Amino acid sequence: MNTAMIAAGFVLFAAAGVHAQDFSFRRDIPAGTHVWVRNVIGDVRVEGTSGRGFEVTARKKAGRHGDPGDVEIKTVEADGGVAICVYYPQQDRRPSRARDRDDDSDHDDDTPRRRHRRDPCHRDSNWNSDGKQNDTSVEFLVRLPAGLVADIKTVSGDVIGSALKGTLDVGTVSGDLRLTDVGGDALDAVSVSGNVELDRVTVREVSAETVSGDVTFVGAIDGKGSYDFKTLSGNVTVTLPKEPDAKMSAVTFSGGLKSDFPISAAGRRRRNRYSATWGAGTAQVDLESFSGNIRILAAR
């Protein structure tokens, strides 16, 4: 009897261990390769690393509903790269032709900085619980070599990154984005409900946007760069080490603007619109808040 109980306990312990060690991936990847990480519920932490090893580990955490074992974490080989995808059992799967039509219609933006590629993780965005609710969360740790084209997103959770260099597209629907010590060619950071915080950023092209939250940027303005910071409900704060060589345009509908750098006579307030030209005026900085204040500060 005791032996049977011990054996049963061992089986339960082993089963629990399956959920504690859920996913691990490593591959040496050359610079310029595309990588995707797609989460649904849970945070994604991204750390820069030396060498060429792209590493992803993930751990599931049981919620109130559903079996963590029903949540899939898959490696998907893609043209020009690799994707790590999370799938829940209640996600519908449509025929590939229907998915392809949606992908083609969604990818019309052909600007150099945000040139869309088909999402290798894409499945129908409609969910059908069919009595099988599952709120298991997945926590990711991504180690990212320099020079990759990385597209990293979650739906409900934060994206936190440090010491990153490359072309980066990060996003969340419900959560904060916090990136520190970022370099490279381009950075897109988007949240719907959460703050976007960019600290010690040296990137030529930056776009940071949220619907409900604050946008903060601390970094240098490249003389040939473009910078776009927007929020619908929140404040925009930009802190710069010195007066940049840039043209600035700012719009706030129910807030004000404070700037440590001079605004020329041509930039006098006009219906909550502001503009200025600093130095050679070669970069472009656009700031916008519908319901909030805009601050342009000199680093102390």
C-alpha atoms as a PDB file:
ATOM      1  CA  MET A   1       0.000   0.000   0.000  1.00  0.00           C
ATOM      2  CA  ASN A   2       2.753   2.442   0.933  1.00  0.00           C
ATOM      3  CA  THR A   3       4.655   1.490  -2.214  1.00  0.00           C
ATOM      4  CA  ALA A   4       1.593   2.211  -4.337  1.00  0.00           C
ATOM      5  CA  MET A   5       1.092   5.577  -2.688  1.00  0.00           C
ATOM      6  CA  ILE A   6       4.739   6.509  -3.249  1.00  0.00           C
ATOM      7  CA  ALA A   7       4.507   5.449  -6.881  1.00  0.00           C
ATOM      8  CA  ALA A   8       1.338   7.472  -7.374  1.00  0.00           C
ATOM      9  CA  GLY A   9       2.988  10.479  -5.783  1.00  0.00           C
ATOM     10  CA  PHE A  10       5.982  10.128  -8.072  1.00  0.00           C
ATOM     11  CA  VAL A  11       3.682  10.048 -11.117  1.00  0.00           C
ATOM     12  CA  LEU A  12       1.932  13.238  -9.965  1.00  0.00           C
ATOM     13  CA  PHE A  13       5.269  14.940  -9.299  1.00  0.00           C
ATOM     14  CA  ALA A  14       6.558  13.961 -12.717  1.00  0.00           C
ATOM     15  CA  ALA A  15       3.369  15.211 -14.370  1.00  0.00           C
ATOM     16  CA  ALA A  16       3.754  18.553 -12.605  1.00  0.00           C
ATOM     17  CA  GLY A  17       7.344  18.710 -13.774  1.00  0.00           C
ATOM     18  CA  VAL A  18       6.186  18.421 -17.381  1.00  0.00           C
ATOM     19  CA  HIS A  19       4.423  21.774 -17.006  1.00  0.00           C
ATOM     20  CA  ALA A  20       7.423  23.303 -15.239  1.00  0.00           C
ATOM     21  CA  GLN A  21       9.753  22.523 -18.176  1.00  0.00           C
ATOM     22  CA  ASP A  22       7.632  23.336 -21.182  1.00  0.00           C
ATOM     23  CA  PHE A  23       9.718  24.612 -24.079  1.00  0.00           C
ATOM     24  CA  SER A  24      13.329  25.203 -25.017  1.00  0.00           C
ATOM     25  CA  PHE A  25      14.829  26.233 -28.344  1.00  0.00           C
ATOM     26  CA  ARG A  26      18.316  27.238 -29.462  1.00  0.00           C
ATOM     27  CA  ARG A  27      19.794  27.867 -32.887  1.00  0.00           C
ATOM     28  CA  ASP A  28      22.769  29.813 -34.231  1.00  0.00           C
ATOM     29  CA  ILE A  29      21.347  32.435 -36.570  1.00  0.00           C
ATOM     30  CA  PRO A  30      23.221  34.896 -38.814  1.00  0.00           C
ATOM     31  CA  ALA A  31      22.586  38.626 -38.711  1.00  0.00           C
ATOM     32  CA  GLY A  32      19.666  39.783 -40.847  1.00  0.00           C
ATOM     33  CA  THR A  33      17.532  36.716 -40.102  1.00  0.00           C
ATOM     34  CA  HIS A  34      13.878  37.223 -39.163  1.00  0.00           C
ATOM     35  CA  VAL A  35      12.645  35.789 -35.884  1.00  0.00           C
ATOM     36  CA  TRP A  36       9.147  35.916 -34.423  1.00  0.00           C
ATOM     37  CA  VAL A  37       7.852  35.241 -30.912  1.00  0.00           C
ATOM     38  CA  ARG A  38       4.085  35.196 -30.441  1.00  0.00           C
ATOM     39  CA  ASN A  39       2.558  34.886 -26.979  1.00  0.00           C
ATOM     40  CA  VAL A  40      -1.086  35.236 -25.949  1.00  0.00           C
ATOM     41  CA  ILE A  41      -1.281  35.351 -22.142  1.00  0.00           C
ATOM     42  CA  GLY A  42       1.915  36.153 -20.270  1.00  0.00           C
ATOM     43  CA  ASP A  43       5.028  38.309 -20.259  1.00  0.00           C
ATOM     44  CA  VAL A  44       7.943  38.172 -22.664  1.00  0.00           C
ATOM     45  CA  ARG A  45      11.406  39.081 -21.386  1.00  0.00           C
ATOM     46  CA  VAL A  46      14.076  39.730 -24.018  1.00  0.00           C
ATOM     47  CA  GLU A  47      17.806  39.930 -23.302  1.00  0.00           C
ATOM     48  CA  GLY A  48      20.592  40.736 -25.698  1.00  0.00           C
ATOM     49  CA  THR A  49      23.356  38.174 -25.895  1.00  0.00           C
ATOM     50  CA  SER A  50      26.787  37.827 -27.443  1.00  0.00           C
ATOM     51  CA  GLY A  51      27.429  35.249 -30.132  1.00  0.00           C
ATOM     52  CA  ARG A  52      24.860  34.039 -32.639  1.00  0.00           C
ATOM     53  CA  GLY A  53      22.719  31.796 -30.446  1.00  0.00           C
ATOM     54  CA  PHE A  54      18.982  32.634 -30.573  1.00  0.00           C
ATOM     55  CA  GLU A  55      17.511  31.025 -27.457  1.00  0.00           C
ATOM     56  CA  VAL A  56      13.914  30.814 -26.273  1.00  0.00           C
ATOM     57  CA  THR A  57      12.614  29.164 -23.122  1.00  0.00           C
ATOM     58  CA  ALA A  58       9.015  29.165 -21.960  1.00  0.00           C
ATOM     59  CA  ARG A  59       7.187  28.069 -18.855  1.00  0.00           C
ATOM     60  CA  LYS A  60       3.465  27.538 -18.505  1.00  0.00           C
ATOM     61  CA  LYS A  61       1.512  28.582 -15.442  1.00  0.00           C
ATOM     62  CA  ALA A  62      -1.927  27.125 -14.798  1.00  0.00           C
ATOM     63  CA  GLY A  63      -4.825  29.545 -14.560  1.00  0.00           C
ATOM     64  CA  ARG A  64      -8.337  29.021 -13.257  1.00  0.00           C
ATOM     65  CA  HIS A  65      -9.541  27.241 -16.367  1.00  0.00           C
ATOM     66  CA  GLY A  66      -8.197  24.604 -18.665  1.00  0.00           C
ATOM     67  CA  ASP A  67      -5.271  22.215 -18.791  1.00  0.00           C
ATOM     68  CA  PRO A  68      -1.816  23.739 -19.423  1.00  0.00           C
ATOM     69  CA  GLY A  69      -1.046  20.641 -21.459  1.00  0.00           C
ATOM     70  CA  ASP A  70      -3.582  21.774 -24.070  1.00  0.00           C
ATOM     71  CA  VAL A  71      -1.614  24.952 -24.787  1.00  0.00           C
ATOM     72  CA  GLU A  72       0.896  24.372 -27.578  1.00  0.00           C
ATOM     73  CA  ILE A  73       4.256  26.089 -27.971  1.00  0.00           C
ATOM     74  CA  LYS A  74       5.570  25.348 -31.429  1.00  0.00           C
ATOM     75  CA  THR A  75       8.558  26.116 -33.603  1.00  0.00           C
ATOM     76  CA  VAL A  76       7.454  27.167 -37.086  1.00  0.00           C
ATOM     77  CA  GLU A  77       9.998  27.337 -39.884  1.00  0.00           C
ATOM     78  CA  ALA A  78       9.480  30.418 -42.007  1.00  0.00           C
ATOM     79  CA  ASP A  79      10.910  31.794 -45.220  1.00  0.00           C
ATOM     80  CA  GLY A  80      14.023  33.629 -44.071  1.00  0.00           C
ATOM     81  CA  GLY A  81      13.667  32.828 -40.390  1.00  0.00           C
ATOM     82  CA  VAL A  82      12.013  30.967 -37.554  1.00  0.00           C
ATOM     83  CA  ALA A  83       8.988  31.611 -35.341  1.00  0.00           C
ATOM     84  CA  ILE A  84       8.030  30.524 -31.829  1.00  0.00           C
ATOM     85  CA  CYS A  85       4.242  30.407 -31.541  1.00  0.00           C
ATOM     86  CA  VAL A  86       1.727  29.810 -28.760  1.00  0.00           C
ATOM     87  CA  TYR A  87      -1.612  28.227 -29.647  1.00  0.00           C
ATOM     88  CA  TYR A  88      -4.640  27.751 -27.430  1.00  0.00           C
ATOM     89  CA  PRO A  89      -7.180  24.958 -27.966  1.00  0.00           C
ATOM     90  CA  GLN A  90     -10.055  27.416 -28.455  1.00  0.00           C
ATOM     91  CA  GLN A  91      -8.431  29.092 -31.473  1.00  0.00           C
ATOM     92  CA  ASP A  92     -10.322  28.281 -34.657  1.00  0.00           C
ATOM     93  CA  ARG A  93      -8.409  26.984 -37.634  1.00  0.00           C
ATOM     94  CA  ARG A  94      -9.651  28.090 -41.036  1.00  0.00           C
ATOM     95  CA  PRO A  95      -8.465  26.734 -44.371  1.00  0.00           C
ATOM     96  CA  SER A  96      -5.111  28.151 -45.428  1.00  0.00           C
ATOM     97  CA  ARG A  97      -6.638  30.028 -48.397  1.00  0.00           C
ATOM     98  CA  ALA A  98      -8.806  32.122 -46.084  1.00  0.00           C
ATOM     99  CA  ARG A  99      -5.832  32.854 -43.827  1.00  0.00           C
ATOM    100  CA  ASP A 100      -3.703  33.832 -46.807  1.00  0.00           C
ATOM    101  CA  ARG A 101      -6.345  36.303 -48.030  1.00  0.00           C
ATOM    102  CA  ASP A 102      -6.377  38.031 -44.653  1.00  0.00           C
ATOM    103  CA  ASP A 103      -2.585  38.164 -44.510  1.00  0.00           C
ATOM    104  CA  ASP A 104      -2.384  39.750 -47.947  1.00  0.00           C
ATOM    105  CA  SER A 105      -5.013  42.380 -47.133  1.00  0.00           C
ATOM    106  CA  ASP A 106      -3.333  43.352 -43.867  1.00  0.00           C
ATOM    107  CA  HIS A 107       0.118  43.954 -45.310  1.00  0.00           C
ATOM    108  CA  ASP A 108      -0.232  46.960 -47.585  1.00  0.00           C
ATOM    109  CA  ASP A 109       2.152  49.291 -45.738  1.00  0.00           C
ATOM    110  CA  ASP A 110       5.355  49.317 -47.781  1.00  0.00           C
ATOM    111  CA  THR A 111       7.380  51.903 -45.883  1.00  0.00           C
ATOM    112  CA  PRO A 112      11.084  51.080 -45.449  1.00  0.00           C
ATOM    113  CA  ARG A 113      10.907  50.917 -41.646  1.00  0.00           C
ATOM    114  CA  ARG A 114       7.824  48.731 -41.313  1.00  0.00           C
ATOM    115  CA  ARG A 115       7.808  46.396 -44.279  1.00  0.00           C
ATOM    116  CA  HIS A 116       5.369  43.671 -43.318  1.00  0.00           C
ATOM    117  CA  ARG A 117       6.053  39.997 -43.755  1.00  0.00           C
ATOM    118  CA  ARG A 118       3.476  37.276 -43.451  1.00  0.00           C
ATOM    119  CA  ASP A 119       3.127  36.194 -39.826  1.00  0.00           C
ATOM    120  CA  PRO A 120       4.206  32.540 -39.615  1.00  0.00           C
ATOM    121  CA  CYS A 121       2.165  32.067 -36.429  1.00  0.00           C
ATOM    122  CA  HIS A 122      -1.083  33.331 -37.891  1.00  0.00           C
ATOM    123  CA  ARG A 123      -4.274  31.461 -37.205  1.00  0.00           C
ATOM    124  CA  ASP A 124      -7.813  32.743 -37.260  1.00  0.00           C
ATOM    125  CA  SER A 125      -8.185  35.456 -34.625  1.00  0.00           C
ATOM    126  CA  ASN A 126     -11.704  34.241 -33.802  1.00  0.00           C
ATOM    127  CA  TRP A 127     -11.952  32.183 -30.635  1.00  0.00           C
ATOM    128  CA  ASN A 128     -14.506  29.470 -29.973  1.00  0.00           C
ATOM    129  CA  SER A 129     -14.342  28.280 -26.382  1.00  0.00           C
ATOM    130  CA  ASP A 130     -16.940  25.531 -26.984  1.00  0.00           C
ATOM    131  CA  GLY A 131     -16.966  25.046 -23.215  1.00  0.00           C
ATOM    132  CA  LYS A 132     -13.175  24.630 -23.166  1.00  0.00           C
ATOM    133  CA  GLN A 133     -11.906  27.836 -21.626  1.00  0.00           C
ATOM    134  CA  ASN A 134      -8.180  27.945 -20.998  1.00  0.00           C
ATOM    135  CA  ASP A 135      -6.388  30.839 -19.298  1.00  0.00           C
ATOM    136  CA  THR A 136      -2.986  29.223 -18.896  1.00  0.00           C
ATOM    137  CA  SER A 137      -0.227  31.832 -19.061  1.00  0.00           C
ATOM    138  CA  VAL A 138       3.134  31.358 -20.751  1.00  0.00           C
ATOM    139  CA  GLU A 139       6.221  33.249 -19.557  1.00  0.00           C
ATOM    140  CA  PHE A 140       8.958  33.634 -22.189  1.00  0.00           C
ATOM    141  CA  LEU A 141      12.655  34.356 -21.864  1.00  0.00           C
ATOM    142  CA  VAL A 142      14.265  35.256 -25.196  1.00  0.00           C
ATOM    143  CA  ARG A 143      18.014  35.671 -25.678  1.00  0.00           C
ATOM    144  CA  LEU A 144      18.519  37.718 -28.807  1.00  0.00           C
ATOM    145  CA  PRO A 145      21.799  38.067 -30.746  1.00  0.00           C
ATOM    146  CA  ALA A 146      22.603  41.424 -32.343  1.00  0.00           C
ATOM    147  CA  GLY A 147      21.574  42.225 -35.891  1.00  0.00           C
ATOM    148  CA  LEU A 148      18.381  40.169 -36.156  1.00  0.00           C
ATOM    149  CA  VAL A 149      15.017  41.378 -37.432  1.00  0.00           C
ATOM    150  CA  ALA A 150      12.897  40.510 -34.391  1.00  0.00           C
ATOM    151  CA  ASP A 151       9.105  40.662 -34.146  1.00  0.00           C
ATOM    152  CA  ILE A 152       8.043  39.936 -30.553  1.00  0.00           C
ATOM    153  CA  LYS A 153       4.486  40.324 -29.293  1.00  0.00           C
ATOM    154  CA  THR A 154       2.039  39.220 -26.624  1.00  0.00           C
ATOM    155  CA  VAL A 155      -1.669  39.903 -26.214  1.00  0.00           C
ATOM    156  CA  SER A 156      -2.051  40.109 -22.435  1.00  0.00           C
ATOM    157  CA  GLY A 157       1.248  40.766 -20.699  1.00  0.00           C
ATOM    158  CA  ASP A 158       4.339  42.948 -20.610  1.00  0.00           C
ATOM    159  CA  VAL A 159       7.301  42.960 -22.975  1.00  0.00           C
ATOM    160  CA  ILE A 160      10.530  43.806 -21.147  1.00  0.00           C
ATOM    161  CA  GLY A 161      13.850  44.036 -22.972  1.00  0.00           C
ATOM    162  CA  SER A 162      17.435  45.099 -22.346  1.00  0.00           C
ATOM    163  CA  ALA A 163      20.756  45.302 -24.221  1.00  0.00           C
ATOM    164  CA  LEU A 164      19.144  44.795 -27.622  1.00  0.00           C
ATOM    165  CA  LYS A 165      20.551  45.672 -31.038  1.00  0.00           C
ATOM    166  CA  GLY A 166      18.845  45.093 -34.351  1.00  0.00           C
ATOM    167  CA  THR A 167      15.591  45.846 -36.111  1.00  0.00           C
ATOM    168  CA  LEU A 168      12.876  45.429 -33.489  1.00  0.00           C
ATOM    169  CA  ASP A 169       9.074  45.300 -33.631  1.00  0.00           C
ATOM    170  CA  VAL A 170       7.577  44.728 -30.169  1.00  0.00           C
ATOM    171  CA  GLY A 171       4.011  44.982 -28.991  1.00  0.00           C
ATOM    172  CA  THR A 172       1.277  44.094 -26.541  1.00  0.00           C
ATOM    173  CA  VAL A 173      -2.458  44.670 -26.412  1.00  0.00           C
ATOM    174  CA  SER A 174      -2.850  44.813 -22.634  1.00  0.00           C
ATOM    175  CA  GLY A 175       0.427  45.498 -20.860  1.00  0.00           C
ATOM    176  CA  ASP A 176       3.499  47.689 -20.683  1.00  0.00           C
ATOM    177  CA  LEU A 177       6.552  47.841 -22.938  1.00  0.00           C
ATOM    178  CA  ARG A 178       9.835  48.582 -21.169  1.00  0.00           C
ATOM    179  CA  LEU A 179      13.014  48.578 -23.243  1.00  0.00           C
ATOM    180  CA  THR A 180      16.440  49.650 -21.987  1.00  0.00           C
ATOM    181  CA  ASP A 181      19.775  50.042 -23.778  1.00  0.00           C
ATOM    182  CA  VAL A 182      18.564  49.565 -27.340  1.00  0.00           C
ATOM    183  CA  GLY A 183      20.522  50.181 -30.542  1.00  0.00           C
ATOM    184  CA  GLY A 184      20.100  49.356 -34.185  1.00  0.00           C
ATOM    185  CA  ASP A 185      18.322  50.494 -37.315  1.00  0.00           C
ATOM    186  CA  ALA A 186      14.650  50.639 -36.356  1.00  0.00           C
ATOM    187  CA  LEU A 187      12.357  50.199 -33.360  1.00  0.00           C
ATOM    188  CA  ASP A 188       8.560  49.923 -33.358  1.00  0.00           C
ATOM    189  CA  ALA A 189       6.943  49.703 -29.913  1.00  0.00           C
ATOM    190  CA  VAL A 190       3.150  49.557 -29.651  1.00  0.00           C
ATOM    191  CA  SER A 191       0.732  48.977 -26.769  1.00  0.00           C
ATOM    192  CA  VAL A 192      -3.028  49.415 -26.731  1.00  0.00           C
ATOM    193  CA  SER A 193      -3.552  49.601 -22.969  1.00  0.00           C
ATOM    194  CA  GLY A 194      -0.261  50.272 -21.212  1.00  0.00           C
ATOM    195  CA  ASN A 195       2.811  52.459 -21.018  1.00  0.00           C
ATOM    196  CA  VAL A 196       5.667  52.490 -23.508  1.00  0.00           C
ATOM    197  CA  GLU A 197       9.005  53.220 -21.824  1.00  0.00           C
ATOM    198  CA  LEU A 198      12.187  53.496 -23.911  1.00  0.00           C
ATOM    199  CA  ASP A 199      15.395  54.245 -22.023  1.00  0.00           C
ATOM    200  CA  ARG A 200      18.930  54.722 -23.380  1.00  0.00           C
ATOM    201  CA  VAL A 201      17.882  54.268 -26.987  1.00  0.00           C
ATOM    202  CA  THR A 202      20.222  54.968 -29.924  1.00  0.00           C
ATOM    203  CA  VAL A 203      18.168  53.973 -32.945  1.00  0.00           C
ATOM    204  CA  ARG A 204      17.805  55.898 -36.192  1.00  0.00           C
ATOM    205  CA  GLU A 205      14.076  55.284 -36.681  1.00  0.00           C
ATOM    206  CA  VAL A 206      11.748  54.969 -33.687  1.00  0.00           C
ATOM    207  CA  SER A 207       7.974  54.698 -33.490  1.00  0.00           C
ATOM    208  CA  ALA A 208       6.338  54.395 -30.047  1.00  0.00           C
ATOM    209  CA  GLU A 209       2.581  54.419 -29.623  1.00  0.00           C
ATOM    210  CA  THR A 210      -0.136  53.569 -27.122  1.00  0.00           C
ATOM    211  CA  VAL A 211      -3.852  54.234 -26.876  1.00  0.00           C
ATOM    212  CA  SER A 212      -4.174  54.395 -23.090  1.00  0.00           C
ATOM    213  CA  GLY A 213      -0.891  55.131 -21.332  1.00  0.00           C
ATOM    214  CA  ASP A 214       2.233  57.270 -21.323  1.00  0.00           C
ATOM    215  CA  VAL A 215       5.062  57.257 -23.844  1.00  0.00           C
ATOM    216  CA  THR A 216       8.541  58.066 -22.523  1.00  0.00           C
ATOM    217  CA  PHE A 217      11.766  58.193 -24.487  1.00  0.00           C
ATOM    218  CA  VAL A 218      15.292  58.782 -23.200  1.00  0.00           C
ATOM    219  CA  GLY A 219      17.977  58.767 -25.845  1.00  0.00           C
ATOM    220  CA  ALA A 220      19.745  60.547 -28.663  1.00  0.00           C
ATOM    221  CA  ILE A 221      18.263  61.817 -31.915  1.00  0.00           C
ATOM    222  CA  ASP A 222      20.185  60.676 -34.992  1.00  0.00           C
ATOM    223  CA  GLY A 223      20.711  63.570 -37.392  1.00  0.00           C
ATOM    224  CA  LYS A 224      19.234  61.523 -40.251  1.00  0.00           C
ATOM    225  CA  GLY A 225      16.547  59.781 -38.236  1.00  0.00           C
ATOM    226  CA  SER A 226      12.789  59.924 -37.784  1.00  0.00           C
ATOM    227  CA  TYR A 227      10.979  59.685 -34.442  1.00  0.00           C
ATOM    228  CA  ASP A 228       7.250  59.350 -33.869  1.00  0.00           C
ATOM    229  CA  PHE A 229       5.720  59.291 -30.358  1.00  0.00           C
ATOM    230  CA  LYS A 230       1.943  59.130 -29.889  1.00  0.00           C
ATOM    231  CA  THR A 231      -0.668  58.463 -27.230  1.00  0.00           C
ATOM    232  CA  LEU A 232      -4.405  58.982 -27.189  1.00  0.00           C
ATOM    233  CA  SER A 233      -4.861  59.183 -23.414  1.00  0.00           C
ATOM    234  CA  GLY A 234      -1.604  59.943 -21.610  1.00  0.00           C
ATOM    235  CA  ASN A 235       1.542  62.042 -21.629  1.00  0.00           C
ATOM    236  CA  VAL A 236       4.499  62.056 -24.018  1.00  0.00           C
ATOM    237  CA  THR A 237       7.894  62.777 -22.435  1.00  0.00           C
ATOM    238  CA  VAL A 238      11.088  62.931 -24.471  1.00  0.00           C
ATOM    239  CA  THR A 239      14.450  63.433 -22.735  1.00  0.00           C
ATOM    240  CA  LEU A 240      17.438  64.295 -24.925  1.00  0.00           C
ATOM    241  CA  PRO A 241      21.141  64.656 -24.079  1.00  0.00           C
ATOM    242  CA  LYS A 242      21.452  67.853 -26.138  1.00  0.00           C
ATOM    243  CA  GLU A 243      19.606  69.993 -28.634  1.00  0.00           C
ATOM    244  CA  PRO A 244      19.259  67.794 -31.718  1.00  0.00           C
ATOM    245  CA  ASP A 245      19.552  68.599 -35.406  1.00  0.00           C
ATOM    246  CA  ALA A 246      15.853  68.137 -36.007  1.00  0.00           C
ATOM    247  CA  LYS A 247      12.539  69.564 -37.034  1.00  0.00           C
ATOM    248  CA  MET A 248       9.902  69.085 -34.345  1.00  0.00           C
ATOM    249  CA  SER A 249       6.144  68.921 -34.733  1.00  0.00           C
ATOM    250  CA  ALA A 250       3.855  68.524 -31.703  1.00  0.00           C
ATOM    251  CA  VAL A 251       0.084  68.329 -31.317  1.00  0.00           C
ATOM    252  CA  THR A 252      -1.932  68.130 -28.099  1.00  0.00           C
ATOM    253  CA  PHE A 253      -5.687  68.638 -28.035  1.00  0.00           C
ATOM    254  CA  SER A 254      -6.392  69.010 -24.318  1.00  0.00           C
ATOM    255  CA  GLY A 255      -2.948  69.469 -22.809  1.00  0.00           C
ATOM    256  CA  GLY A 256       0.115  71.647 -23.000  1.00  0.00           C
ATOM    257  CA  LEU A 257       3.705  71.552 -24.153  1.00  0.00           C
ATOM    258  CA  LYS A 258       6.836  72.184 -22.093  1.00  0.00           C
ATOM    259  CA  SER A 259      10.234  72.312 -23.783  1.00  0.00           C
ATOM    260  CA  ASP A 260      13.724  72.872 -22.417  1.00  0.00           C
ATOM    261  CA  PHE A 261      14.819  73.642 -25.979  1.00  0.00           C
ATOM    262  CA  PRO A 262      13.857  76.864 -27.721  1.00  0.00           C
ATOM    263  CA  ILE A 263      10.798  77.076 -29.918  1.00  0.00           C
ATOM    264  CA  SER A 264      11.288  79.637 -32.661  1.00  0.00           C
ATOM    265  CA  ALA A 265       8.911  82.440 -33.590  1.00  0.00           C
ATOM    266  CA  ALA A 266       7.621  80.224 -36.380  1.00  0.00           C
ATOM    267  CA  GLY A 267       6.694  77.693 -33.726  1.00  0.00           C
ATOM    268  CA  ARG A 268       4.355  79.809 -31.646  1.00  0.00           C
ATOM    269  CA  ARG A 269       1.308  78.041 -30.310  1.00  0.00           C
ATOM    270  CA  ARG A 270      -1.426  77.729 -32.884  1.00  0.00           C
ATOM    271  CA  ARG A 271      -4.497  75.738 -31.879  1.00  0.00           C
ATOM    272  CA  ASN A 272      -2.410  73.414 -29.736  1.00  0.00           C
ATOM    273  CA  ARG A 273       0.059  72.803 -32.561  1.00  0.00           C
ATOM    274  CA  TYR A 274       3.739  73.513 -32.125  1.00  0.00           C
ATOM    275  CA  SER A 275       6.815  73.340 -34.314  1.00  0.00           C
ATOM    276  CA  ALA A 276      10.492  74.132 -34.086  1.00  0.00           C
ATOM    277  CA  THR A 277      13.712  73.705 -36.013  1.00  0.00           C
ATOM    278  CA  TRP A 278      16.833  72.886 -34.009  1.00  0.00           C
ATOM    279  CA  GLY A 279      20.338  72.919 -35.440  1.00  0.00           C
ATOM    280  CA  ALA A 280      20.535  71.711 -39.022  1.00  0.00           C
ATOM    281  CA  GLY A 281      16.979  70.384 -38.861  1.00  0.00           C
ATOM    282  CA  THR A 282      17.874  67.137 -40.623  1.00  0.00           C
ATOM    283  CA  ALA A 283      15.947  64.695 -38.392  1.00  0.00           C
ATOM    284  CA  GLN A 284      12.185  64.618 -37.900  1.00  0.00           C
ATOM    285  CA  VAL A 285      10.514  64.367 -34.466  1.00  0.00           C
ATOM    286  CA  ASP A 286       6.713  64.089 -34.272  1.00  0.00           C
ATOM    287  CA  LEU A 287       4.889  64.177 -30.917  1.00  0.00           C
ATOM    288  CA  GLU A 288       1.172  63.782 -30.319  1.00  0.00           C
ATOM    289  CA  SER A 289      -1.186  63.389 -27.358  1.00  0.00           C
ATOM    290  CA  PHE A 290      -4.937  63.766 -27.579  1.00  0.00           C
ATOM    291  CA  SER A 291      -5.559  63.932 -23.836  1.00  0.00           C
ATOM    292  CA  GLY A 292      -2.299  64.706 -22.073  1.00  0.00           C
ATOM    293  CA  ASN A 293       0.810  66.855 -21.943  1.00  0.00           C
ATOM    294  CA  ILE A 294       3.959  66.824 -24.052  1.00  0.00           C
ATOM    295  CA  ARG A 295       7.356  67.473 -22.454  1.00  0.00           C
ATOM    296  CA  ILE A 296      10.711  67.807 -24.203  1.00  0.00           C
ATOM    297  CA  LEU A 297      13.436  67.762 -21.570  1.00  0.00           C
ATOM    298  CA  ALA A 298      17.177  68.187 -21.521  1.00  0.00           C
ATOM    299  CA  ALA A 299      18.955  65.386 -19.661  1.00  0.00           C
ATOM    300  CA  ARG A 300      20.391  66.515 -16.348  1.00  0.00           C
END
